[in-house]
Amino acid sequence: MAERKKMSDAARQFIQTGQVQPSSPPSASSDQLTSNSLRQELLGDEQATESSVRFTVDLPRSLHRRLDQLSTDSGKPKTELVRIIIRRALENIDY
């Protein structure tokens, strides 16, 4: 069985708090590029699919309303939007 990658401190903090503390302050243009590319991915064409695993997440009503509105605006199902957001968050913390 392959050895699992060790969890970094940044990944552990993200999982515990839901927030990422950058090691060095990113530039405003870097944040803007990330925000724009995420927006394009969320509102753009569908990505390739692979087999999936189902799990349940309880969301605060306010967060669910925002996700529901994004789904309406983008025309994409909430499940696809959540997959994109989670994948991008994990890429952002290099995990």
PDB file of N, CA and C in Angstrom:
ATOM      1  N   MET A   1       0.844  -1.173   0.000  1.00  0.00           N
ATOM      2  CA  MET A   1       0.000   0.000   0.000  1.00  0.00           C
ATOM      3  C   MET A   1       0.893   1.241   0.000  1.00  0.00           C
ATOM      4  N   ALA A   2       0.552   2.219  -0.815  1.00  0.00           N
ATOM      5  CA  ALA A   2       1.355   3.434  -0.927  1.00  0.00           C
ATOM      6  C   ALA A   2       1.262   4.251   0.358  1.00  0.00           C
ATOM      7  N   GLU A   3       2.371   4.886   0.706  1.00  0.00           N
ATOM      8  CA  GLU A   3       2.409   5.714   1.898  1.00  0.00           C
ATOM      9  C   GLU A   3       1.673   7.018   1.626  1.00  0.00           C
ATOM     10  N   ARG A   4       0.834   7.434   2.571  1.00  0.00           N
ATOM     11  CA  ARG A   4       0.077   8.668   2.409  1.00  0.00           C
ATOM     12  C   ARG A   4       0.967   9.876   2.648  1.00  0.00           C
ATOM     13  N   LYS A   5       0.680  10.931   1.940  1.00  0.00           N
ATOM     14  CA  LYS A   5       1.397  12.187   2.107  1.00  0.00           C
ATOM     15  C   LYS A   5       1.056  12.774   3.477  1.00  0.00           C
ATOM     16  N   LYS A   6       2.067  13.268   4.186  1.00  0.00           N
ATOM     17  CA  LYS A   6       1.858  13.880   5.492  1.00  0.00           C
ATOM     18  C   LYS A   6       1.105  15.194   5.324  1.00  0.00           C
ATOM     19  N   MET A   7       0.225  15.488   6.270  1.00  0.00           N
ATOM     20  CA  MET A   7      -0.547  16.717   6.225  1.00  0.00           C
ATOM     21  C   MET A   7       0.329  17.884   6.677  1.00  0.00           C
ATOM     22  N   SER A   8       0.337  18.947   5.893  1.00  0.00           N
ATOM     23  CA  SER A   8       1.115  20.126   6.260  1.00  0.00           C
ATOM     24  C   SER A   8       0.376  20.908   7.344  1.00  0.00           C
ATOM     25  N   ASP A   9       1.091  21.813   8.002  1.00  0.00           N
ATOM     26  CA  ASP A   9       0.468  22.656   9.020  1.00  0.00           C
ATOM     27  C   ASP A   9      -0.634  23.507   8.409  1.00  0.00           C
ATOM     28  N   ALA A  10      -0.404  24.001   7.187  1.00  0.00           N
ATOM     29  CA  ALA A  10      -1.410  24.822   6.512  1.00  0.00           C
ATOM     30  C   ALA A  10      -2.670  24.009   6.239  1.00  0.00           C
ATOM     31  N   ALA A  11      -2.507  22.770   5.809  1.00  0.00           N
ATOM     32  CA  ALA A  11      -3.661  21.906   5.539  1.00  0.00           C
ATOM     33  C   ALA A  11      -4.413  21.610   6.832  1.00  0.00           C
ATOM     34  N   ARG A  12      -3.676  21.315   7.889  1.00  0.00           N
ATOM     35  CA  ARG A  12      -4.296  21.022   9.184  1.00  0.00           C
ATOM     36  C   ARG A  12      -5.092  22.237   9.671  1.00  0.00           C
ATOM     37  N   GLN A  13      -4.525  23.431   9.527  1.00  0.00           N
ATOM     38  CA  GLN A  13      -5.215  24.643   9.955  1.00  0.00           C
ATOM     39  C   GLN A  13      -6.468  24.863   9.121  1.00  0.00           C
ATOM     40  N   PHE A  14      -6.376  24.632   7.818  1.00  0.00           N
ATOM     41  CA  PHE A  14      -7.533  24.804   6.945  1.00  0.00           C
ATOM     42  C   PHE A  14      -8.657  23.858   7.356  1.00  0.00           C
ATOM     43  N   ILE A  15      -8.328  22.616   7.636  1.00  0.00           N
ATOM     44  CA  ILE A  15      -9.340  21.628   8.013  1.00  0.00           C
ATOM     45  C   ILE A  15      -9.979  21.996   9.350  1.00  0.00           C
ATOM     46  N   GLN A  16      -9.183  22.492  10.290  1.00  0.00           N
ATOM     47  CA  GLN A  16      -9.707  22.819  11.615  1.00  0.00           C
ATOM     48  C   GLN A  16     -10.493  24.120  11.627  1.00  0.00           C
ATOM     49  N   THR A  17     -10.032  25.133  10.901  1.00  0.00           N
ATOM     50  CA  THR A  17     -10.655  26.454  10.985  1.00  0.00           C
ATOM     51  C   THR A  17     -11.370  26.890   9.722  1.00  0.00           C
ATOM     52  N   GLY A  18     -11.057  26.270   8.593  1.00  0.00           N
ATOM     53  CA  GLY A  18     -11.660  26.691   7.334  1.00  0.00           C
ATOM     54  C   GLY A  18     -10.992  27.921   6.752  1.00  0.00           C
ATOM     55  N   GLN A  19      -9.899  28.367   7.368  1.00  0.00           N
ATOM     56  CA  GLN A  19      -9.201  29.551   6.885  1.00  0.00           C
ATOM     57  C   GLN A  19      -7.754  29.209   6.582  1.00  0.00           C
ATOM     58  N   VAL A  20      -7.215  29.898   5.582  1.00  0.00           N
ATOM     59  CA  VAL A  20      -5.829  29.683   5.182  1.00  0.00           C
ATOM     60  C   VAL A  20      -5.020  30.903   5.584  1.00  0.00           C
ATOM     61  N   GLN A  21      -3.905  30.674   6.279  1.00  0.00           N
ATOM     62  CA  GLN A  21      -2.985  31.751   6.628  1.00  0.00           C
ATOM     63  C   GLN A  21      -1.821  31.701   5.652  1.00  0.00           C
ATOM     64  N   PRO A  22      -1.696  32.681   4.756  1.00  0.00           N
ATOM     65  CA  PRO A  22      -0.587  32.645   3.803  1.00  0.00           C
ATOM     66  C   PRO A  22       0.749  32.823   4.506  1.00  0.00           C
ATOM     67  N   SER A  23       1.776  32.136   4.000  1.00  0.00           N
ATOM     68  CA  SER A  23       3.101  32.249   4.592  1.00  0.00           C
ATOM     69  C   SER A  23       3.705  33.621   4.331  1.00  0.00           C
ATOM     70  N   SER A  24       3.384  34.202   3.193  1.00  0.00           N
ATOM     71  CA  SER A  24       3.773  35.575   2.898  1.00  0.00           C
ATOM     72  C   SER A  24       2.573  36.259   2.278  1.00  0.00           C
ATOM     73  N   PRO A  25       2.387  37.539   2.565  1.00  0.00           N
ATOM     74  CA  PRO A  25       1.202  38.209   2.052  1.00  0.00           C
ATOM     75  C   PRO A  25       1.190  38.222   0.525  1.00  0.00           C
ATOM     76  N   PRO A  26       0.133  37.681  -0.092  1.00  0.00           N
ATOM     77  CA  PRO A  26       0.063  37.686  -1.550  1.00  0.00           C
ATOM     78  C   PRO A  26      -0.221  39.088  -2.063  1.00  0.00           C
ATOM     79  N   SER A  27       0.210  39.348  -3.269  1.00  0.00           N
ATOM     80  CA  SER A  27      -0.040  40.655  -3.856  1.00  0.00           C
ATOM     81  C   SER A  27      -1.499  40.754  -4.261  1.00  0.00           C
ATOM     82  N   ALA A  28      -1.997  41.977  -4.360  1.00  0.00           N
ATOM     83  CA  ALA A  28      -3.387  42.190  -4.752  1.00  0.00           C
ATOM     84  C   ALA A  28      -3.645  41.627  -6.134  1.00  0.00           C
ATOM     85  N   SER A  29      -2.680  41.751  -7.044  1.00  0.00           N
ATOM     86  CA  SER A  29      -2.878  41.227  -8.389  1.00  0.00           C
ATOM     87  C   SER A  29      -2.951  39.706  -8.373  1.00  0.00           C
ATOM     88  N   SER A  30      -2.211  39.054  -7.479  1.00  0.00           N
ATOM     89  CA  SER A  30      -2.269  37.600  -7.345  1.00  0.00           C
ATOM     90  C   SER A  30      -3.647  37.171  -6.863  1.00  0.00           C
ATOM     91  N   ASP A  31      -4.184  37.876  -5.865  1.00  0.00           N
ATOM     92  CA  ASP A  31      -5.528  37.573  -5.376  1.00  0.00           C
ATOM     93  C   ASP A  31      -6.560  37.780  -6.472  1.00  0.00           C
ATOM     94  N   GLN A  32      -6.402  38.841  -7.236  1.00  0.00           N
ATOM     95  CA  GLN A  32      -7.347  39.140  -8.315  1.00  0.00           C
ATOM     96  C   GLN A  32      -7.301  38.058  -9.378  1.00  0.00           C
ATOM     97  N   LEU A  33      -6.097  37.588  -9.736  1.00  0.00           N
ATOM     98  CA  LEU A  33      -5.979  36.530 -10.739  1.00  0.00           C
ATOM     99  C   LEU A  33      -6.623  35.247 -10.252  1.00  0.00           C
ATOM    100  N   THR A  34      -6.382  34.887  -8.992  1.00  0.00           N
ATOM    101  CA  THR A  34      -6.982  33.684  -8.427  1.00  0.00           C
ATOM    102  C   THR A  34      -8.491  33.811  -8.407  1.00  0.00           C
ATOM    103  N   SER A  35      -8.983  34.967  -7.982  1.00  0.00           N
ATOM    104  CA  SER A  35     -10.421  35.196  -7.926  1.00  0.00           C
ATOM    105  C   SER A  35     -11.038  35.121  -9.315  1.00  0.00           C
ATOM    106  N   ASN A  36     -10.379  35.738 -10.300  1.00  0.00           N
ATOM    107  CA  ASN A  36     -10.902  35.713 -11.663  1.00  0.00           C
ATOM    108  C   ASN A  36     -10.886  34.314 -12.245  1.00  0.00           C
ATOM    109  N   SER A  37      -9.808  33.547 -12.010  1.00  0.00           N
ATOM    110  CA  SER A  37      -9.744  32.202 -12.574  1.00  0.00           C
ATOM    111  C   SER A  37     -10.771  31.291 -11.903  1.00  0.00           C
ATOM    112  N   LEU A  38     -11.009  31.464 -10.607  1.00  0.00           N
ATOM    113  CA  LEU A  38     -12.037  30.679  -9.930  1.00  0.00           C
ATOM    114  C   LEU A  38     -13.408  31.053 -10.478  1.00  0.00           C
ATOM    115  N   ARG A  39     -13.642  32.335 -10.651  1.00  0.00           N
ATOM    116  CA  ARG A  39     -14.922  32.790 -11.207  1.00  0.00           C
ATOM    117  C   ARG A  39     -15.136  32.189 -12.594  1.00  0.00           C
ATOM    118  N   GLN A  40     -14.096  32.197 -13.434  1.00  0.00           N
ATOM    119  CA  GLN A  40     -14.211  31.621 -14.776  1.00  0.00           C
ATOM    120  C   GLN A  40     -14.500  30.132 -14.702  1.00  0.00           C
ATOM    121  N   GLU A  41     -13.847  29.444 -13.776  1.00  0.00           N
ATOM    122  CA  GLU A  41     -14.060  28.003 -13.653  1.00  0.00           C
ATOM    123  C   GLU A  41     -15.472  27.704 -13.151  1.00  0.00           C
ATOM    124  N   LEU A  42     -15.954  28.490 -12.186  1.00  0.00           N
ATOM    125  CA  LEU A  42     -17.289  28.262 -11.651  1.00  0.00           C
ATOM    126  C   LEU A  42     -18.372  28.578 -12.676  1.00  0.00           C
ATOM    127  N   LEU A  43     -18.148  29.589 -13.484  1.00  0.00           N
ATOM    128  CA  LEU A  43     -19.158  30.004 -14.452  1.00  0.00           C
ATOM    129  C   LEU A  43     -18.921  29.443 -15.839  1.00  0.00           C
ATOM    130  N   GLY A  44     -17.782  28.761 -16.055  1.00  0.00           N
ATOM    131  CA  GLY A  44     -17.417  28.256 -17.376  1.00  0.00           C
ATOM    132  C   GLY A  44     -18.001  26.896 -17.683  1.00  0.00           C
ATOM    133  N   ASP A  45     -17.397  26.231 -18.664  1.00  0.00           N
ATOM    134  CA  ASP A  45     -17.869  24.929 -19.126  1.00  0.00           C
ATOM    135  C   ASP A  45     -17.561  23.836 -18.118  1.00  0.00           C
ATOM    136  N   GLU A  46     -18.301  22.733 -18.245  1.00  0.00           N
ATOM    137  CA  GLU A  46     -18.161  21.582 -17.347  1.00  0.00           C
ATOM    138  C   GLU A  46     -16.795  20.920 -17.496  1.00  0.00           C
ATOM    139  N   GLN A  47     -16.261  20.441 -16.388  1.00  0.00           N
ATOM    140  CA  GLN A  47     -14.975  19.755 -16.367  1.00  0.00           C
ATOM    141  C   GLN A  47     -15.174  18.256 -16.593  1.00  0.00           C
ATOM    142  N   ALA A  48     -14.090  17.553 -16.911  1.00  0.00           N
ATOM    143  CA  ALA A  48     -14.129  16.100 -17.076  1.00  0.00           C
ATOM    144  C   ALA A  48     -14.528  15.449 -15.751  1.00  0.00           C
ATOM    145  N   THR A  49     -15.207  14.316 -15.844  1.00  0.00           N
ATOM    146  CA  THR A  49     -15.676  13.653 -14.631  1.00  0.00           C
ATOM    147  C   THR A  49     -14.905  12.364 -14.376  1.00  0.00           C
ATOM    148  N   GLU A  50     -14.888  11.946 -13.130  1.00  0.00           N
ATOM    149  CA  GLU A  50     -14.329  10.661 -12.729  1.00  0.00           C
ATOM    150  C   GLU A  50     -15.286  10.073 -11.708  1.00  0.00           C
ATOM    151  N   SER A  51     -15.065   8.837 -11.299  1.00  0.00           N
ATOM    152  CA  SER A  51     -15.976   8.226 -10.333  1.00  0.00           C
ATOM    153  C   SER A  51     -15.994   9.053  -9.051  1.00  0.00           C
ATOM    154  N   SER A  52     -17.100   8.993  -8.332  1.00  0.00           N
ATOM    155  CA  SER A  52     -17.242   9.858  -7.167  1.00  0.00           C
ATOM    156  C   SER A  52     -17.678   9.074  -5.939  1.00  0.00           C
ATOM    157  N   VAL A  53     -17.552   9.724  -4.784  1.00  0.00           N
ATOM    158  CA  VAL A  53     -17.963   9.187  -3.494  1.00  0.00           C
ATOM    159  C   VAL A  53     -18.922  10.200  -2.889  1.00  0.00           C
ATOM    160  N   ARG A  54     -20.002   9.731  -2.308  1.00  0.00           N
ATOM    161  CA  ARG A  54     -21.000  10.631  -1.724  1.00  0.00           C
ATOM    162  C   ARG A  54     -20.715  10.841  -0.235  1.00  0.00           C
ATOM    163  N   PHE A  55     -20.843  12.106   0.201  1.00  0.00           N
ATOM    164  CA  PHE A  55     -20.792  12.395   1.632  1.00  0.00           C
ATOM    165  C   PHE A  55     -21.706  13.578   1.907  1.00  0.00           C
ATOM    166  N   THR A  56     -22.114  13.728   3.157  1.00  0.00           N
ATOM    167  CA  THR A  56     -23.084  14.752   3.540  1.00  0.00           C
ATOM    168  C   THR A  56     -22.382  15.863   4.304  1.00  0.00           C
ATOM    169  N   VAL A  57     -22.750  17.095   3.986  1.00  0.00           N
ATOM    170  CA  VAL A  57     -22.181  18.260   4.662  1.00  0.00           C
ATOM    171  C   VAL A  57     -23.328  19.139   5.147  1.00  0.00           C
ATOM    172  N   ASP A  58     -23.293  19.536   6.405  1.00  0.00           N
ATOM    173  CA  ASP A  58     -24.269  20.482   6.940  1.00  0.00           C
ATOM    174  C   ASP A  58     -23.714  21.888   6.755  1.00  0.00           C
ATOM    175  N   LEU A  59     -24.497  22.752   6.104  1.00  0.00           N
ATOM    176  CA  LEU A  59     -24.079  24.126   5.836  1.00  0.00           C
ATOM    177  C   LEU A  59     -24.959  25.100   6.610  1.00  0.00           C
ATOM    178  N   PRO A  60     -24.396  26.215   7.047  1.00  0.00           N
ATOM    179  CA  PRO A  60     -25.245  27.275   7.590  1.00  0.00           C
ATOM    180  C   PRO A  60     -26.202  27.754   6.489  1.00  0.00           C
ATOM    181  N   ARG A  61     -27.391  28.173   6.889  1.00  0.00           N
ATOM    182  CA  ARG A  61     -28.386  28.608   5.895  1.00  0.00           C
ATOM    183  C   ARG A  61     -27.854  29.721   4.995  1.00  0.00           C
ATOM    184  N   SER A  62     -27.109  30.651   5.568  1.00  0.00           N
ATOM    185  CA  SER A  62     -26.599  31.776   4.772  1.00  0.00           C
ATOM    186  C   SER A  62     -25.642  31.289   3.685  1.00  0.00           C
ATOM    187  N   LEU A  63     -24.787  30.328   4.014  1.00  0.00           N
ATOM    188  CA  LEU A  63     -23.857  29.782   3.030  1.00  0.00           C
ATOM    189  C   LEU A  63     -24.612  28.995   1.962  1.00  0.00           C
ATOM    190  N   HIS A  64     -25.637  28.261   2.374  1.00  0.00           N
ATOM    191  CA  HIS A  64     -26.449  27.509   1.415  1.00  0.00           C
ATOM    192  C   HIS A  64     -27.161  28.454   0.451  1.00  0.00           C
ATOM    193  N   ARG A  65     -27.679  29.569   0.961  1.00  0.00           N
ATOM    194  CA  ARG A  65     -28.348  30.549   0.081  1.00  0.00           C
ATOM    195  C   ARG A  65     -27.375  31.103  -0.950  1.00  0.00           C
ATOM    196  N   ARG A  66     -26.143  31.399  -0.518  1.00  0.00           N
ATOM    197  CA  ARG A  66     -25.139  31.926  -1.452  1.00  0.00           C
ATOM    198  C   ARG A  66     -24.794  30.889  -2.512  1.00  0.00           C
ATOM    199  N   LEU A  67     -24.644  29.634  -2.093  1.00  0.00           N
ATOM    200  CA  LEU A  67     -24.353  28.556  -3.035  1.00  0.00           C
ATOM    201  C   LEU A  67     -25.519  28.362  -3.996  1.00  0.00           C
ATOM    202  N   ASP A  68     -26.734  28.427  -3.482  1.00  0.00           N
ATOM    203  CA  ASP A  68     -27.926  28.287  -4.313  1.00  0.00           C
ATOM    204  C   ASP A  68     -27.993  29.409  -5.355  1.00  0.00           C
ATOM    205  N   GLN A  69     -27.667  30.633  -4.941  1.00  0.00           N
ATOM    206  CA  GLN A  69     -27.688  31.762  -5.876  1.00  0.00           C
ATOM    207  C   GLN A  69     -26.612  31.603  -6.948  1.00  0.00           C
ATOM    208  N   LEU A  70     -25.417  31.143  -6.555  1.00  0.00           N
ATOM    209  CA  LEU A  70     -24.350  30.901  -7.523  1.00  0.00           C
ATOM    210  C   LEU A  70     -24.775  29.830  -8.517  1.00  0.00           C
ATOM    211  N   SER A  71     -25.449  28.801  -8.033  1.00  0.00           N
ATOM    212  CA  SER A  71     -25.942  27.739  -8.911  1.00  0.00           C
ATOM    213  C   SER A  71     -26.944  28.298  -9.915  1.00  0.00           C
ATOM    214  N   THR A  72     -27.836  29.140  -9.446  1.00  0.00           N
ATOM    215  CA  THR A  72     -28.822  29.761 -10.333  1.00  0.00           C
ATOM    216  C   THR A  72     -28.141  30.650 -11.362  1.00  0.00           C
ATOM    217  N   ASP A  73     -27.212  31.482 -10.913  1.00  0.00           N
ATOM    218  CA  ASP A  73     -26.533  32.419 -11.815  1.00  0.00           C
ATOM    219  C   ASP A  73     -25.662  31.709 -12.845  1.00  0.00           C
ATOM    220  N   SER A  74     -25.019  30.618 -12.440  1.00  0.00           N
ATOM    221  CA  SER A  74     -24.091  29.928 -13.340  1.00  0.00           C
ATOM    222  C   SER A  74     -24.773  28.861 -14.188  1.00  0.00           C
ATOM    223  N   GLY A  75     -25.948  28.410 -13.748  1.00  0.00           N
ATOM    224  CA  GLY A  75     -26.625  27.332 -14.457  1.00  0.00           C
ATOM    225  C   GLY A  75     -26.005  25.973 -14.184  1.00  0.00           C
ATOM    226  N   LYS A  76     -25.148  25.896 -13.167  1.00  0.00           N
ATOM    227  CA  LYS A  76     -24.491  24.631 -12.811  1.00  0.00           C
ATOM    228  C   LYS A  76     -25.103  24.086 -11.530  1.00  0.00           C
ATOM    229  N   PRO A  77     -25.148  22.764 -11.398  1.00  0.00           N
ATOM    230  CA  PRO A  77     -25.656  22.183 -10.149  1.00  0.00           C
ATOM    231  C   PRO A  77     -24.724  22.498  -8.974  1.00  0.00           C
ATOM    232  N   LYS A  78     -25.314  22.598  -7.797  1.00  0.00           N
ATOM    233  CA  LYS A  78     -24.527  22.900  -6.596  1.00  0.00           C
ATOM    234  C   LYS A  78     -23.428  21.866  -6.375  1.00  0.00           C
ATOM    235  N   THR A  79     -23.702  20.605  -6.691  1.00  0.00           N
ATOM    236  CA  THR A  79     -22.688  19.566  -6.493  1.00  0.00           C
ATOM    237  C   THR A  79     -21.439  19.849  -7.312  1.00  0.00           C
ATOM    238  N   GLU A  80     -21.621  20.286  -8.545  1.00  0.00           N
ATOM    239  CA  GLU A  80     -20.463  20.593  -9.393  1.00  0.00           C
ATOM    240  C   GLU A  80     -19.699  21.798  -8.844  1.00  0.00           C
ATOM    241  N   LEU A  81     -20.432  22.817  -8.395  1.00  0.00           N
ATOM    242  CA  LEU A  81     -19.783  24.001  -7.831  1.00  0.00           C
ATOM    243  C   LEU A  81     -18.976  23.641  -6.583  1.00  0.00           C
ATOM    244  N   VAL A  82     -19.542  22.805  -5.722  1.00  0.00           N
ATOM    245  CA  VAL A  82     -18.835  22.400  -4.501  1.00  0.00           C
ATOM    246  C   VAL A  82     -17.579  21.609  -4.848  1.00  0.00           C
ATOM    247  N   ARG A  83     -17.658  20.726  -5.848  1.00  0.00           N
ATOM    248  CA  ARG A  83     -16.466  19.973  -6.272  1.00  0.00           C
ATOM    249  C   ARG A  83     -15.359  20.926  -6.719  1.00  0.00           C
ATOM    250  N   ILE A  84     -15.712  21.930  -7.510  1.00  0.00           N
ATOM    251  CA  ILE A  84     -14.726  22.900  -7.998  1.00  0.00           C
ATOM    252  C   ILE A  84     -14.105  23.652  -6.823  1.00  0.00           C
ATOM    253  N   ILE A  85     -14.947  24.122  -5.914  1.00  0.00           N
ATOM    254  CA  ILE A  85     -14.467  24.915  -4.780  1.00  0.00           C
ATOM    255  C   ILE A  85     -13.537  24.090  -3.887  1.00  0.00           C
ATOM    256  N   ILE A  86     -13.907  22.848  -3.600  1.00  0.00           N
ATOM    257  CA  ILE A  86     -13.061  21.997  -2.751  1.00  0.00           C
ATOM    258  C   ILE A  86     -11.739  21.693  -3.443  1.00  0.00           C
ATOM    259  N   ARG A  87     -11.793  21.341  -4.738  1.00  0.00           N
ATOM    260  CA  ARG A  87     -10.558  21.039  -5.468  1.00  0.00           C
ATOM    261  C   ARG A  87      -9.630  22.244  -5.467  1.00  0.00           C
ATOM    262  N   ARG A  88     -10.182  23.435  -5.726  1.00  0.00           N
ATOM    263  CA  ARG A  88      -9.353  24.643  -5.764  1.00  0.00           C
ATOM    264  C   ARG A  88      -8.782  24.963  -4.382  1.00  0.00           C
ATOM    265  N   ALA A  89      -9.555  24.751  -3.319  1.00  0.00           N
ATOM    266  CA  ALA A  89      -9.053  24.999  -1.959  1.00  0.00           C
ATOM    267  C   ALA A  89      -7.888  24.066  -1.646  1.00  0.00           C
ATOM    268  N   LEU A  90      -8.004  22.793  -2.019  1.00  0.00           N
ATOM    269  CA  LEU A  90      -6.918  21.841  -1.770  1.00  0.00           C
ATOM    270  C   LEU A  90      -5.687  22.170  -2.606  1.00  0.00           C
ATOM    271  N   GLU A  91      -5.884  22.613  -3.848  1.00  0.00           N
ATOM    272  CA  GLU A  91      -4.744  23.033  -4.675  1.00  0.00           C
ATOM    273  C   GLU A  91      -4.073  24.259  -4.069  1.00  0.00           C
ATOM    274  N   ASN A  92      -4.882  25.161  -3.519  1.00  0.00           N
ATOM    275  CA  ASN A  92      -4.372  26.405  -2.948  1.00  0.00           C
ATOM    276  C   ASN A  92      -3.451  26.150  -1.757  1.00  0.00           C
ATOM    277  N   ILE A  93      -3.724  25.095  -0.999  1.00  0.00           N
ATOM    278  CA  ILE A  93      -2.869  24.777   0.146  1.00  0.00           C
ATOM    279  C   ILE A  93      -1.877  23.674  -0.198  1.00  0.00           C
ATOM    280  N   ASP A  94      -1.721  23.389  -1.483  1.00  0.00           N
ATOM    281  CA  ASP A  94      -0.765  22.385  -1.972  1.00  0.00           C
ATOM    282  C   ASP A  94      -0.959  21.038  -1.304  1.00  0.00           C
ATOM    283  N   TYR A  95      -2.197  20.568  -1.272  1.00  0.00           N
ATOM    284  CA  TYR A  95      -2.472  19.272  -0.662  1.00  0.00           C
ATOM    285  C   TYR A  95      -3.142  18.373  -1.654  1.00  0.00           C
TER     286      TYR A  95
END
